C-alpha atoms as a PDB file:
ATOM      1  CA  UNK A   1      86.320 -38.571 210.387  1.00  0.00           C
ATOM      2  CA  UNK A   2      82.630 -38.091 211.167  1.00  0.00           C
ATOM      3  CA  UNK A   3      81.510 -40.579 213.832  1.00  0.00           C
ATOM      4  CA  UNK A   4      77.760 -41.163 214.025  1.00  0.00           C
ATOM      5  CA  UNK A   5      76.471 -42.847 217.174  1.00  0.00           C
ATOM      6  CA  UNK A   6      73.214 -44.619 216.408  1.00  0.00           C
ATOM      7  CA  UNK A   7      72.177 -46.232 213.121  1.00  0.00           C
ATOM      8  CA  UNK A   8      68.415 -45.894 213.411  1.00  0.00           C
ATOM      9  CA  UNK A   9      66.364 -43.816 211.001  1.00  0.00           C
ATOM     10  CA  UNK A  10      68.027 -40.492 211.773  1.00  0.00           C
ATOM     11  CA  UNK A  11      71.533 -41.839 212.217  1.00  0.00           C
ATOM     12  CA  UNK A  12      71.313 -43.598 208.867  1.00  0.00           C
ATOM     13  CA  UNK A  13      69.963 -40.441 207.216  1.00  0.00           C
ATOM     14  CA  UNK A  14      72.903 -38.475 208.611  1.00  0.00           C
ATOM     15  CA  UNK A  15      75.346 -41.115 207.376  1.00  0.00           C
ATOM     16  CA  UNK A  16      73.848 -41.043 203.882  1.00  0.00           C
ATOM     17  CA  UNK A  17      74.061 -37.245 203.733  1.00  0.00           C
ATOM     18  CA  UNK A  18      77.663 -37.207 204.948  1.00  0.00           C
ATOM     19  CA  UNK A  19      78.624 -39.819 202.353  1.00  0.00           C
ATOM     20  CA  UNK A  20      77.003 -37.646 199.671  1.00  0.00           C
ATOM     21  CA  UNK A  21      79.420 -34.922 200.787  1.00  0.00           C
ATOM     22  CA  UNK A  22      82.364 -37.349 200.324  1.00  0.00           C
ATOM     23  CA  UNK A  23      83.036 -37.331 204.060  1.00  0.00           C
ATOM     24  CA  UNK A  24      84.778 -40.186 205.842  1.00  0.00           C
ATOM     25  CA  UNK A  25      82.182 -41.771 208.120  1.00  0.00           C
ATOM     26  CA  UNK A  26      82.218 -44.259 210.979  1.00  0.00           C
ATOM     27  CA  UNK A  27      78.914 -45.678 212.237  1.00  0.00           C
ATOM     28  CA  UNK A  28      78.714 -46.823 215.845  1.00  0.00           C
ATOM     29  CA  UNK A  29      76.020 -49.035 217.333  1.00  0.00           C
ATOM     30  CA  UNK A  30      75.455 -51.882 219.776  1.00  0.00           C
ATOM     31  CA  UNK A  31      75.685 -54.723 217.257  1.00  0.00           C
ATOM     32  CA  UNK A  32      78.637 -53.650 215.115  1.00  0.00           C
ATOM     33  CA  UNK A  33      76.604 -54.322 211.974  1.00  0.00           C
ATOM     34  CA  UNK A  34      74.477 -51.946 209.915  1.00  0.00           C
ATOM     35  CA  UNK A  35      73.138 -51.488 206.392  1.00  0.00           C
ATOM     36  CA  UNK A  36      75.305 -48.522 205.417  1.00  0.00           C
ATOM     37  CA  UNK A  37      76.793 -47.233 202.151  1.00  0.00           C
ATOM     38  CA  UNK A  38      80.060 -48.754 200.896  1.00  0.00           C
ATOM     39  CA  UNK A  39      83.118 -47.306 202.563  1.00  0.00           C
ATOM     40  CA  UNK A  40      81.418 -46.570 205.884  1.00  0.00           C
ATOM     41  CA  UNK A  41      83.178 -48.197 208.800  1.00  0.00           C
ATOM     42  CA  UNK A  42      80.905 -49.855 211.375  1.00  0.00           C
ATOM     43  CA  UNK A  43      82.052 -50.241 214.980  1.00  0.00           C
ATOM     44  CA  UNK A  44      80.419 -52.043 217.894  1.00  0.00           C
ATOM     45  CA  UNK A  45      80.149 -50.045 221.118  1.00  0.00           C
ATOM     46  CA  UNK A  46      78.207 -49.993 224.359  1.00  0.00           C
ATOM     47  CA  UNK A  47      77.281 -46.310 224.471  1.00  0.00           C
ATOM     48  CA  UNK A  48      76.690 -46.511 228.221  1.00  0.00           C
ATOM     49  CA  UNK A  49      80.421 -47.172 228.711  1.00  0.00           C
ATOM     50  CA  UNK A  50      82.397 -43.928 228.512  1.00  0.00           C
ATOM     51  CA  UNK A  51      85.696 -45.628 227.742  1.00  0.00           C
ATOM     52  CA  UNK A  52      84.172 -47.549 224.841  1.00  0.00           C
ATOM     53  CA  UNK A  53      82.554 -44.387 223.487  1.00  0.00           C
ATOM     54  CA  UNK A  54      85.804 -42.430 223.637  1.00  0.00           C
ATOM     55  CA  UNK A  55      87.629 -45.267 221.866  1.00  0.00           C
ATOM     56  CA  UNK A  56      84.939 -45.609 219.194  1.00  0.00           C
ATOM     57  CA  UNK A  57      85.285 -41.892 218.422  1.00  0.00           C
ATOM     58  CA  UNK A  58      89.054 -42.007 218.000  1.00  0.00           C
ATOM     59  CA  UNK A  59      90.208 -39.566 215.333  1.00  0.00           C
ATOM     60  CA  UNK A  60      86.821 -37.890 215.072  1.00  0.00           C
ATOM     61  CA  UNK A  61      86.394 -34.348 213.826  1.00  0.00           C
ATOM     62  CA  UNK A  62      82.644 -34.628 214.399  1.00  0.00           C
ATOM     63  CA  UNK A  63      80.709 -36.721 216.923  1.00  0.00           C
ATOM     64  CA  UNK A  64      76.982 -37.113 216.166  1.00  0.00           C
ATOM     65  CA  UNK A  65      74.486 -38.034 218.848  1.00  0.00           C
ATOM     66  CA  UNK A  66      71.689 -39.915 217.096  1.00  0.00           C
ATOM     67  CA  UNK A  67      71.085 -42.285 219.984  1.00  0.00           C
ATOM     68  CA  UNK A  68      67.555 -43.019 221.154  1.00  0.00           C
ATOM     69  CA  UNK A  69      67.130 -45.205 224.241  1.00  0.00           C
ATOM     70  CA  UNK A  70      63.789 -46.894 224.987  1.00  0.00           C
ATOM     71  CA  UNK A  71      61.058 -44.298 225.509  1.00  0.00           C
ATOM     72  CA  UNK A  72      60.340 -45.467 229.051  1.00  0.00           C
ATOM     73  CA  UNK A  73      64.043 -45.385 230.001  1.00  0.00           C
ATOM     74  CA  UNK A  74      64.815 -41.765 229.084  1.00  0.00           C
ATOM     75  CA  UNK A  75      65.327 -40.337 232.601  1.00  0.00           C
ATOM     76  CA  UNK A  76      67.771 -43.097 233.509  1.00  0.00           C
ATOM     77  CA  UNK A  77      69.615 -43.642 230.253  1.00  0.00           C
ATOM     78  CA  UNK A  78      69.559 -40.493 228.120  1.00  0.00           C
ATOM     79  CA  UNK A  79      71.595 -38.021 230.242  1.00  0.00           C
ATOM     80  CA  UNK A  80      74.513 -40.456 230.792  1.00  0.00           C
ATOM     81  CA  UNK A  81      74.596 -41.301 227.092  1.00  0.00           C
ATOM     82  CA  UNK A  82      74.924 -37.615 226.232  1.00  0.00           C
ATOM     83  CA  UNK A  83      77.641 -37.163 228.847  1.00  0.00           C
ATOM     84  CA  UNK A  84      79.622 -40.029 227.312  1.00  0.00           C
ATOM     85  CA  UNK A  85      79.447 -38.439 223.863  1.00  0.00           C
ATOM     86  CA  UNK A  86      80.513 -35.117 225.350  1.00  0.00           C
ATOM     87  CA  UNK A  87      83.532 -36.892 226.813  1.00  0.00           C
ATOM     88  CA  UNK A  88      84.310 -38.444 223.411  1.00  0.00           C
ATOM     89  CA  UNK A  89      84.067 -35.108 221.615  1.00  0.00           C
ATOM     90  CA  UNK A  90      86.221 -33.354 224.195  1.00  0.00           C
ATOM     91  CA  UNK A  91      88.843 -36.106 224.218  1.00  0.00           C
ATOM     92  CA  UNK A  92      89.122 -36.007 220.423  1.00  0.00           C
ATOM     93  CA  UNK A  93      88.792 -32.214 220.163  1.00  0.00           C
ATOM     94  CA  UNK A  94      85.809 -32.823 217.891  1.00  0.00           C
ATOM     95  CA  UNK A  95      82.575 -30.978 217.201  1.00  0.00           C
ATOM     96  CA  UNK A  96      79.512 -32.431 218.921  1.00  0.00           C
ATOM     97  CA  UNK A  97      76.384 -32.529 216.745  1.00  0.00           C
ATOM     98  CA  UNK A  98      73.245 -33.313 218.708  1.00  0.00           C
ATOM     99  CA  UNK A  99      69.932 -34.488 217.285  1.00  0.00           C
ATOM    100  CA  UNK A 100      66.962 -33.620 219.494  1.00  0.00           C
ATOM    101  CA  UNK A 101      63.199 -33.345 219.418  1.00  0.00           C
ATOM    102  CA  UNK A 102      61.092 -30.406 220.657  1.00  0.00           C
ATOM    103  CA  UNK A 103      59.959 -31.701 224.028  1.00  0.00           C
ATOM    104  CA  UNK A 104      62.009 -29.169 226.013  1.00  0.00           C
ATOM    105  CA  UNK A 105      59.756 -26.307 224.863  1.00  0.00           C
ATOM    106  CA  UNK A 106      56.665 -27.766 226.492  1.00  0.00           C
ATOM    107  CA  UNK A 107      53.163 -26.935 225.312  1.00  0.00           C
ATOM    108  CA  UNK A 108      53.247 -23.910 222.954  1.00  0.00           C
ATOM    109  CA  UNK A 109      49.432 -23.650 223.019  1.00  0.00           C
ATOM    110  CA  UNK A 110      49.304 -23.501 219.243  1.00  0.00           C
ATOM    111  CA  UNK A 111      52.039 -20.876 218.772  1.00  0.00           C
ATOM    112  CA  UNK A 112      54.718 -21.608 216.153  1.00  0.00           C
ATOM    113  CA  UNK A 113      57.800 -23.237 217.672  1.00  0.00           C
ATOM    114  CA  UNK A 114      61.116 -21.453 217.105  1.00  0.00           C
ATOM    115  CA  UNK A 115      64.646 -21.986 218.376  1.00  0.00           C
ATOM    116  CA  UNK A 116      64.518 -19.084 220.828  1.00  0.00           C
ATOM    117  CA  UNK A 117      61.427 -20.188 222.732  1.00  0.00           C
ATOM    118  CA  UNK A 118      62.094 -20.781 226.455  1.00  0.00           C
ATOM    119  CA  UNK A 119      62.355 -24.300 227.805  1.00  0.00           C
ATOM    120  CA  UNK A 120      58.990 -24.628 229.543  1.00  0.00           C
ATOM    121  CA  UNK A 121      58.397 -28.372 229.693  1.00  0.00           C
ATOM    122  CA  UNK A 122      56.488 -29.794 232.646  1.00  0.00           C
ATOM    123  CA  UNK A 123      56.335 -33.396 231.408  1.00  0.00           C
ATOM    124  CA  UNK A 124      58.732 -36.107 232.530  1.00  0.00           C
ATOM    125  CA  UNK A 125      60.345 -36.574 229.134  1.00  0.00           C
ATOM    126  CA  UNK A 126      60.275 -32.866 228.361  1.00  0.00           C
ATOM    127  CA  UNK A 127      62.085 -32.137 231.611  1.00  0.00           C
ATOM    128  CA  UNK A 128      64.779 -34.646 230.694  1.00  0.00           C
ATOM    129  CA  UNK A 129      65.185 -33.028 227.284  1.00  0.00           C
ATOM    130  CA  UNK A 130      65.354 -29.550 228.825  1.00  0.00           C
ATOM    131  CA  UNK A 131      68.063 -30.626 231.267  1.00  0.00           C
ATOM    132  CA  UNK A 132      70.103 -32.179 228.469  1.00  0.00           C
ATOM    133  CA  UNK A 133      69.662 -29.091 226.296  1.00  0.00           C
ATOM    134  CA  UNK A 134      70.756 -26.849 229.167  1.00  0.00           C
ATOM    135  CA  UNK A 135      73.839 -29.021 229.627  1.00  0.00           C
ATOM    136  CA  UNK A 136      74.797 -28.493 225.981  1.00  0.00           C
ATOM    137  CA  UNK A 137      74.072 -24.761 226.213  1.00  0.00           C
ATOM    138  CA  UNK A 138      76.494 -24.458 229.119  1.00  0.00           C
ATOM    139  CA  UNK A 139      79.056 -26.660 227.397  1.00  0.00           C
ATOM    140  CA  UNK A 140      78.915 -24.622 224.226  1.00  0.00           C
ATOM    141  CA  UNK A 141      79.183 -21.319 226.087  1.00  0.00           C
ATOM    142  CA  UNK A 142      82.212 -22.591 228.005  1.00  0.00           C
ATOM    143  CA  UNK A 143      84.168 -23.246 224.822  1.00  0.00           C
ATOM    144  CA  UNK A 144      85.168 -26.727 225.959  1.00  0.00           C
ATOM    145  CA  UNK A 145      83.457 -28.417 223.030  1.00  0.00           C
ATOM    146  CA  UNK A 146      82.006 -26.830 219.877  1.00  0.00           C
ATOM    147  CA  UNK A 147      78.331 -27.817 219.742  1.00  0.00           C
ATOM    148  CA  UNK A 148      75.711 -27.618 216.988  1.00  0.00           C
ATOM    149  CA  UNK A 149      72.181 -28.832 217.656  1.00  0.00           C
ATOM    150  CA  UNK A 150      69.412 -29.942 215.301  1.00  0.00           C
ATOM    151  CA  UNK A 151      65.827 -30.190 216.532  1.00  0.00           C
ATOM    152  CA  UNK A 152      63.066 -31.945 214.646  1.00  0.00           C
ATOM    153  CA  UNK A 153      59.349 -32.515 214.894  1.00  0.00           C
ATOM    154  CA  UNK A 154      57.745 -35.954 214.760  1.00  0.00           C
ATOM    155  CA  UNK A 155      59.373 -37.635 211.799  1.00  0.00           C
ATOM    156  CA  UNK A 156      58.588 -40.012 208.967  1.00  0.00           C
ATOM    157  CA  UNK A 157      60.513 -41.379 206.014  1.00  0.00           C
ATOM    158  CA  UNK A 158      62.413 -44.432 204.758  1.00  0.00           C
ATOM    159  CA  UNK A 159      63.404 -46.581 207.710  1.00  0.00           C
ATOM    160  CA  UNK A 160      60.963 -44.975 210.152  1.00  0.00           C
ATOM    161  CA  UNK A 161      58.758 -47.773 211.488  1.00  0.00           C
ATOM    162  CA  UNK A 162      57.353 -48.116 214.989  1.00  0.00           C
ATOM    163  CA  UNK A 163      58.763 -44.774 216.161  1.00  0.00           C
ATOM    164  CA  UNK A 164      57.043 -42.779 213.423  1.00  0.00           C
ATOM    165  CA  UNK A 165      53.424 -41.539 213.488  1.00  0.00           C
ATOM    166  CA  UNK A 166      53.124 -42.690 209.849  1.00  0.00           C
ATOM    167  CA  UNK A 167      55.142 -45.897 210.215  1.00  0.00           C
ATOM    168  CA  UNK A 168      53.785 -49.275 211.296  1.00  0.00           C
ATOM    169  CA  UNK A 169      50.480 -47.878 212.507  1.00  0.00           C
ATOM    170  CA  UNK A 170      49.657 -46.059 209.257  1.00  0.00           C
ATOM    171  CA  UNK A 171      51.614 -47.152 206.167  1.00  0.00           C
ATOM    172  CA  UNK A 172      52.392 -50.596 207.533  1.00  0.00           C
ATOM    173  CA  UNK A 173      48.748 -51.154 208.439  1.00  0.00           C
ATOM    174  CA  UNK A 174      47.446 -49.739 205.147  1.00  0.00           C
ATOM    175  CA  UNK A 175      49.642 -52.055 203.087  1.00  0.00           C
ATOM    176  CA  UNK A 176      47.966 -54.953 204.905  1.00  0.00           C
ATOM    177  CA  UNK A 177      44.503 -53.559 204.293  1.00  0.00           C
ATOM    178  CA  UNK A 178      43.964 -52.399 207.863  1.00  0.00           C
ATOM    179  CA  UNK A 179      42.883 -48.956 209.127  1.00  0.00           C
ATOM    180  CA  UNK A 180      45.438 -46.389 210.227  1.00  0.00           C
ATOM    181  CA  UNK A 181      45.759 -45.903 213.990  1.00  0.00           C
ATOM    182  CA  UNK A 182      46.383 -42.367 215.236  1.00  0.00           C
ATOM    183  CA  UNK A 183      46.098 -40.367 218.445  1.00  0.00           C
ATOM    184  CA  UNK A 184      44.822 -36.922 219.350  1.00  0.00           C
ATOM    185  CA  UNK A 185      42.907 -34.859 216.812  1.00  0.00           C
ATOM    186  CA  UNK A 186      43.996 -35.784 213.289  1.00  0.00           C
ATOM    187  CA  UNK A 187      42.052 -32.876 211.786  1.00  0.00           C
ATOM    188  CA  UNK A 188      44.468 -30.322 213.301  1.00  0.00           C
ATOM    189  CA  UNK A 189      47.553 -29.160 211.385  1.00  0.00           C
ATOM    190  CA  UNK A 190      50.909 -30.618 212.350  1.00  0.00           C
ATOM    191  CA  UNK A 191      54.469 -30.076 211.116  1.00  0.00           C
ATOM    192  CA  UNK A 192      56.131 -33.397 210.366  1.00  0.00           C
ATOM    193  CA  UNK A 193      59.865 -33.763 209.676  1.00  0.00           C
ATOM    194  CA  UNK A 194      61.100 -35.845 206.756  1.00  0.00           C
ATOM    195  CA  UNK A 195      63.937 -38.038 207.978  1.00  0.00           C
ATOM    196  CA  UNK A 196      66.157 -37.335 204.976  1.00  0.00           C
ATOM    197  CA  UNK A 197      65.822 -33.600 205.631  1.00  0.00           C
ATOM    198  CA  UNK A 198      66.967 -34.242 209.206  1.00  0.00           C
ATOM    199  CA  UNK A 199      69.985 -36.106 207.833  1.00  0.00           C
ATOM    200  CA  UNK A 200      70.853 -33.232 205.516  1.00  0.00           C
ATOM    201  CA  UNK A 201      70.667 -30.776 208.397  1.00  0.00           C
ATOM    202  CA  UNK A 202      72.893 -32.932 210.600  1.00  0.00           C
ATOM    203  CA  UNK A 203      75.490 -33.250 207.825  1.00  0.00           C
ATOM    204  CA  UNK A 204      75.443 -29.478 207.424  1.00  0.00           C
ATOM    205  CA  UNK A 205      75.911 -28.914 211.155  1.00  0.00           C
ATOM    206  CA  UNK A 206      78.899 -31.227 211.148  1.00  0.00           C
ATOM    207  CA  UNK A 207      80.624 -29.588 208.189  1.00  0.00           C
ATOM    208  CA  UNK A 208      79.686 -25.892 208.300  1.00  0.00           C
ATOM    209  CA  UNK A 209      81.493 -23.683 210.822  1.00  0.00           C
ATOM    210  CA  UNK A 210      78.584 -21.225 210.786  1.00  0.00           C
ATOM    211  CA  UNK A 211      76.451 -23.865 212.501  1.00  0.00           C
ATOM    212  CA  UNK A 212      78.540 -24.044 215.684  1.00  0.00           C
ATOM    213  CA  UNK A 213      77.130 -22.594 218.873  1.00  0.00           C
ATOM    214  CA  UNK A 214      73.564 -22.541 217.579  1.00  0.00           C
ATOM    215  CA  UNK A 215      70.326 -24.518 217.707  1.00  0.00           C
ATOM    216  CA  UNK A 216      68.712 -25.226 214.327  1.00  0.00           C
ATOM    217  CA  UNK A 217      65.201 -26.503 213.753  1.00  0.00           C
ATOM    218  CA  UNK A 218      64.947 -28.844 210.772  1.00  0.00           C
ATOM    219  CA  UNK A 219      62.832 -27.271 207.986  1.00  0.00           C
ATOM    220  CA  UNK A 220      59.466 -28.942 207.448  1.00  0.00           C
ATOM    221  CA  UNK A 221      56.996 -28.906 204.589  1.00  0.00           C
ATOM    222  CA  UNK A 222      54.020 -26.604 205.298  1.00  0.00           C
ATOM    223  CA  UNK A 223      51.925 -28.021 208.124  1.00  0.00           C
ATOM    224  CA  UNK A 224      48.986 -30.183 207.037  1.00  0.00           C
ATOM    225  CA  UNK A 225      46.415 -32.090 209.024  1.00  0.00           C
ATOM    226  CA  UNK A 226      47.328 -35.655 209.855  1.00  0.00           C
ATOM    227  CA  UNK A 227      44.208 -36.759 207.996  1.00  0.00           C
ATOM    228  CA  UNK A 228      45.334 -34.894 204.865  1.00  0.00           C
ATOM    229  CA  UNK A 229      48.740 -36.586 204.912  1.00  0.00           C
ATOM    230  CA  UNK A 230      47.162 -39.996 205.420  1.00  0.00           C
ATOM    231  CA  UNK A 231      44.971 -39.171 202.434  1.00  0.00           C
ATOM    232  CA  UNK A 232      48.112 -38.498 200.379  1.00  0.00           C
ATOM    233  CA  UNK A 233      49.571 -41.796 201.553  1.00  0.00           C
ATOM    234  CA  UNK A 234      46.379 -43.575 200.485  1.00  0.00           C
ATOM    235  CA  UNK A 235      46.554 -41.943 197.061  1.00  0.00           C
ATOM    236  CA  UNK A 236      50.131 -43.156 196.675  1.00  0.00           C
ATOM    237  CA  UNK A 237      49.252 -46.691 197.739  1.00  0.00           C
ATOM    238  CA  UNK A 238      46.202 -46.667 195.500  1.00  0.00           C
ATOM    239  CA  UNK A 239      43.578 -47.271 198.180  1.00  0.00           C
ATOM    240  CA  UNK A 240      41.797 -44.922 200.605  1.00  0.00           C
ATOM    241  CA  UNK A 241      42.848 -45.438 204.212  1.00  0.00           C
ATOM    242  CA  UNK A 242      40.335 -45.562 207.049  1.00  0.00           C
ATOM    243  CA  UNK A 243      41.499 -43.716 210.161  1.00  0.00           C
ATOM    244  CA  UNK A 244      40.852 -44.861 213.699  1.00  0.00           C
ATOM    245  CA  UNK A 245      41.641 -42.568 216.622  1.00  0.00           C
ATOM    246  CA  UNK A 246      42.731 -44.272 219.833  1.00  0.00           C
ATOM    247  CA  UNK A 247      40.743 -42.756 222.739  1.00  0.00           C
ATOM    248  CA  UNK A 248      42.796 -41.258 225.555  1.00  0.00           C
ATOM    249  CA  UNK A 249      41.309 -43.610 228.129  1.00  0.00           C
ATOM    250  CA  UNK A 250      42.295 -46.627 226.036  1.00  0.00           C
ATOM    251  CA  UNK A 251      45.901 -45.448 225.868  1.00  0.00           C
ATOM    252  CA  UNK A 252      45.966 -45.145 229.650  1.00  0.00           C
ATOM    253  CA  UNK A 253      44.501 -48.611 230.109  1.00  0.00           C
ATOM    254  CA  UNK A 254      46.942 -50.124 227.616  1.00  0.00           C
ATOM    255  CA  UNK A 255      49.746 -48.295 229.405  1.00  0.00           C
ATOM    256  CA  UNK A 256      49.056 -50.366 232.502  1.00  0.00           C
ATOM    257  CA  UNK A 257      50.432 -53.340 230.608  1.00  0.00           C
ATOM    258  CA  UNK A 258      52.840 -51.717 228.128  1.00  0.00           C
ATOM    259  CA  UNK A 259      55.647 -49.506 229.515  1.00  0.00           C
ATOM    260  CA  UNK A 260      56.172 -47.817 226.146  1.00  0.00           C
ATOM    261  CA  UNK A 261      52.510 -46.835 225.755  1.00  0.00           C
ATOM    262  CA  UNK A 262      52.496 -45.630 229.349  1.00  0.00           C
ATOM    263  CA  UNK A 263      54.797 -42.806 228.278  1.00  0.00           C
ATOM    264  CA  UNK A 264      52.555 -41.520 225.474  1.00  0.00           C
ATOM    265  CA  UNK A 265      49.647 -39.700 227.212  1.00  0.00           C
ATOM    266  CA  UNK A 266      51.766 -36.859 228.629  1.00  0.00           C
ATOM    267  CA  UNK A 267      52.845 -35.891 225.095  1.00  0.00           C
ATOM    268  CA  UNK A 268      49.384 -35.929 223.505  1.00  0.00           C
ATOM    269  CA  UNK A 269      49.199 -32.133 223.609  1.00  0.00           C
ATOM    270  CA  UNK A 270      51.297 -32.214 220.421  1.00  0.00           C
ATOM    271  CA  UNK A 271      48.461 -33.916 218.550  1.00  0.00           C
ATOM    272  CA  UNK A 272      45.457 -32.089 219.991  1.00  0.00           C
ATOM    273  CA  UNK A 273      46.158 -28.564 218.765  1.00  0.00           C
ATOM    274  CA  UNK A 274      47.976 -26.885 215.882  1.00  0.00           C
ATOM    275  CA  UNK A 275      51.626 -27.961 216.017  1.00  0.00           C
ATOM    276  CA  UNK A 276      53.562 -25.666 213.700  1.00  0.00           C
ATOM    277  CA  UNK A 277      57.349 -25.779 213.659  1.00  0.00           C
ATOM    278  CA  UNK A 278      59.385 -22.957 212.125  1.00  0.00           C
ATOM    279  CA  UNK A 279      62.613 -24.055 210.421  1.00  0.00           C
ATOM    280  CA  UNK A 280      63.153 -20.796 208.549  1.00  0.00           C
ATOM    281  CA  UNK A 281      66.344 -19.962 210.455  1.00  0.00           C
ATOM    282  CA  UNK A 282      68.121 -22.910 208.857  1.00  0.00           C
ATOM    283  CA  UNK A 283      66.664 -22.240 205.419  1.00  0.00           C
ATOM    284  CA  UNK A 284      67.592 -18.557 205.554  1.00  0.00           C
ATOM    285  CA  UNK A 285      71.159 -19.368 206.632  1.00  0.00           C
ATOM    286  CA  UNK A 286      72.020 -22.415 204.548  1.00  0.00           C
ATOM    287  CA  UNK A 287      69.471 -22.282 201.735  1.00  0.00           C
ATOM    288  CA  UNK A 288      68.040 -25.753 202.314  1.00  0.00           C
ATOM    289  CA  UNK A 289      64.268 -26.050 202.111  1.00  0.00           C
ATOM    290  CA  UNK A 290      62.166 -28.974 203.261  1.00  0.00           C
ATOM    291  CA  UNK A 291      61.361 -31.721 200.792  1.00  0.00           C
ATOM    292  CA  UNK A 292      57.780 -31.200 199.537  1.00  0.00           C
ATOM    293  CA  UNK A 293      55.263 -33.766 200.744  1.00  0.00           C
ATOM    294  CA  UNK A 294      54.570 -34.548 197.088  1.00  0.00           C
ATOM    295  CA  UNK A 295      58.105 -36.010 196.990  1.00  0.00           C
ATOM    296  CA  UNK A 296      58.673 -37.270 200.537  1.00  0.00           C
ATOM    297  CA  UNK A 297      55.480 -39.313 200.757  1.00  0.00           C
ATOM    298  CA  UNK A 298      56.117 -41.309 197.542  1.00  0.00           C
ATOM    299  CA  UNK A 299      59.708 -41.937 198.655  1.00  0.00           C
ATOM    300  CA  UNK A 300      58.483 -43.178 202.040  1.00  0.00           C
ATOM    301  CA  UNK A 301      55.754 -45.396 200.602  1.00  0.00           C
ATOM    302  CA  UNK A 302      58.211 -46.822 198.062  1.00  0.00           C
ATOM    303  CA  UNK A 303      60.526 -47.828 200.914  1.00  0.00           C
ATOM    304  CA  UNK A 304      57.672 -49.595 202.693  1.00  0.00           C
ATOM    305  CA  UNK A 305      56.599 -51.376 199.525  1.00  0.00           C
ATOM    306  CA  UNK A 306      60.157 -52.569 198.836  1.00  0.00           C
ATOM    307  CA  UNK A 307      60.320 -53.832 202.402  1.00  0.00           C
ATOM    308  CA  UNK A 308      57.073 -55.772 201.919  1.00  0.00           C
ATOM    309  CA  UNK A 309      58.409 -57.269 198.684  1.00  0.00           C
ATOM    310  CA  UNK A 310      61.409 -58.632 200.571  1.00  0.00           C
END
């Protein structure tokens, strides 16, 4: 039984990919309800309660951490959530599959990001991610729990809304005839992760023994500028999209009133310089390449259009 904690964009993508592999899947979230494929069991659980997490993972061979607490609550909530899933994996003698971003590496100053880069974060959220990654490194080395980790860049795809750089603020806005809202320098290249590719990687990490004990960056389509991708989105929608860049000072002012926006400025280095992410290790090992933008963008726009129709 593969037990996926979190049914957001990435959790759902992992569930879909596991189902495609004919795996038995249990989805776990706070509500106990989720739009999942037929045959997937859905269980309600408070992930901050270790006993509930251990019980929800009963019989698991793989425990997947696709949880994502509120952005402004990471330091308080994220480490305990990971510790509870570690306890569940250990109790059930299951593999722990962790989905992470790239914050622990800090600012690469334009250099390509690879799995073996040192953890050099000096931001609040990056420091949290580095501490959690170090915890899993130690756990894996100890042999207590087999661990496989996937790391992704900023993602987009079906189901990715407010948390995606191309979600509500770009595709959602464009479908309502409004300009796209972006941050940083949209004329610099950036590697973006397609959510379904992230799901395929997570399913592989949970079912392939070769994945254990390693960190794997999700393969991405060749880096393009944010403006170029928005242009592709506009072509798919059938209308050019105007782009508005939010000034740094405005983000700081808005952050005085919005706790979520308050967390954004420290991560803007990602969007102000080339941000190139190297997923070749996974491709070379397992043969999976990233979905081309020519396919992923139409699939994403189609999801948004179907959502608008409903």
